[in-house]
Amino acid sequence: MTARSETPSLSTTADRTADRTAFLAALHDRLPGLVLTGADAMERYAHDEAEWAAYELPLAVVRATATEDVRRLVQLCVEHRVPVVPRGSGTGLSGGANALAGSVVLSLERMDQVLEIDPQEKLAVAQPGVVNDDLRAAVAEQELWYPPDPASAPWSSIGGNVATNAGGLCCVKYGVTGDYVRELEVVTGTGEVVRLGRRTAKGVGGYDLKSLFVGSEGTLGIVTEVTVRLRPSRPEEQTVAGYFDSVVDAGRAVAATLAAGLVPSALELVDRACLEAVDEWKHMGLALEADVVLLGRIDSPGADGLAETDRMRQAFEDSGASFVAVSADAQESEALFAARRLAYPALERLGPVLTEDVCVPVGLVPEMLARIQETARTYDVHIANIAHAGDGNLHPLIITAPGDDAQRERAQEAFEVILGDALELGGTVTGEHGVGLLKRPGLGRELSSTVVSMQRAVKAALDPHGILNPGKAIV
């Protein structure tokens, strides 16, 4: 993470707060035992995992334990016009949880209870600090399944998933977080507690404010409870692994798979750089003789599943795979997908990683991958590739050497070129990581001035004092 001296100032209304001493005294009084002001805590909670996204030290950190704590904090911050920066597990990759000078970071990590699982209605109610994998494990005990599964599922929180409308490996077939959110409890920008959405399967009364809050990155309100719909447990998946000589060839195999009418439960691309980094770290024995591996999964039951698996294998072979294999058992399949999940933290051990999150039409995945390769050559930077290839969501990872400022500048230029290429191909600058700070310039290129004005109007209406995560998510 960039040192504070290297970041531009993010200060807003907090710099005009007349009496911070009085505010801190009131903060301790209203939320006794929940306020942290030590230097170590300030640094720990000041930023997420976004490389080079600007941040400053906050005025304080509040570790809420209940909705009432959040309500009291927001009301106090409204009184003093102090910004509130909500934070879940801090695993974000766009700077959405980065602090402003004079702000309060609101950590929701201690609100970590699964409050209810209803097998009949196929619903679960969770606090925002519940880790994604913990929710999935809890509902599995009732033979139910919560599909959204970002690669950060072992660490990221449900609240953060809602804030960015996170996707994941299964989203090509089963959808993203917003497809599963039924109801939200939210603390508004005026300090009121409201419920948005419904527990029922249907309900169209009024505007769909619940969906407006999904993906809003804490800029419209602070989510304090999430009700999600569940699915029944599914059959064991079959995994098809294909080895390819280039990311472009693998991209063609993605297009061929979907053109064959298949709807895989996952379709992931991982290049050699990622696999080697994981192997060096975790010693998983991934001695693969390929530059790129494409991992497809089929979860249709019985004979249909076997037939679909064979069609996927054929699509890989017809697209130039040098080797194709169907997993012999669940353990072998899980080893490959575990490597996919570990790719980002493994690469991060090699040096700073600037992470992209572009999404393009699936048919243009080969073209986008070719452009990424060309950008790497043009700017002389190392770009590793992982992707939710089945829905066109690509995550090129620009790796730089520690302390190499010239390489860092080239990486940042390459980052913007990749955003531009995605937009030129009819895509978007972010598929699931959120806008945060890093993608605001790109979002300004993606949206029309009329749409930007509409978004600003929504922000002003729901956060009239401008205290909720200012400077994030919109332009």
Foldseek 3Di string as FASTA:
>chain_A
DDDQVPADAPDDCLVVQDDVPVLVVVLCVVQPPFKAQDPVVQVVQQWAQAPPFHADGERIEGEDQALVNVLVVLQSCLVRVAFEQEDELRHFHFGLRHYHYHHYYYYDLNQADFPDADVVLQKTKGFFRHQQVNVQVVVVVVQWGDPADALCRVGTTNQLCQQQQFHHFQCLQPNTSLVWWAKWWWQFSNSDTDMFHDSDPDDDPDDRVSSVNRRNSFLQTGTGMTMTGIGGHFADKKKKKFAAAAVLLLLQLLVLLVVVVDRFSGKKKFAPVLLVLLCVVPVLPCPDPHGMMIMTIHGDDDPVRVVSVVSSQVSRVVSPTPDMDMDPDPVVNVSVVNSLSCRVVSLVVQADKRKFWKFAASVCLSVLRVVLVVLCVVLVWDWTWMASSNRRTIIIITGDHPPPVSSVVSSLVSLVVSLVVSVVRVIHRHDGSANFQNNAVSVVVNDDPVVLVVVVVSSCVRNVSSRTSPPTRGD
